Amino acid sequence: QVQLVESGGGLVQAGGSLRLSCAASGRTFRYYATGWFRQAPGKEREFVAAINWSGDTAPYVESVKGRFTVSRDNAKNTVYLQMNSLKPEDTAVYYCAAALLQYQASPPMEARRYASWGQGTQVTVSS
């Protein structure tokens, strides 16, 4: 398994942008699908976006389509979540997660499919 560390969270006004990073240990990270999830206070953890091992397939939850973009740089063992046009309802702790799924075209959108998780980074969007 890989170890994951998120960074890039913070406080931003509505309409602003943040870029989250998920840095992974291990030379095999390029074979992992990576997902982003978030959990707001009092709510269940929800899927946000994911990217497959090769970086060419990336599903999103409907509420972030057109605003968030997930990408990966396998040379740096890092996956990014670019978040634009942020809304107060995007406020949550954001987690990245990884699953060893080389050659699978579609990354999972279910949290239970991911074996490795980061500690989370807080994103707060003020109105």
Foldseek 3Di string as FASTA:
>chain_A
DKAWAKDWADEEAAQAKIKIKIAIDDLCLLQKKKFKWWDDPPGDIFTAKIAHSPFPDMDGDPVQPPFWDWGDDSVRRMIMIIGGRDDQVVWTWMKMFIARHGPDHYDDRDPVRTDYIYPTDTHGYHD
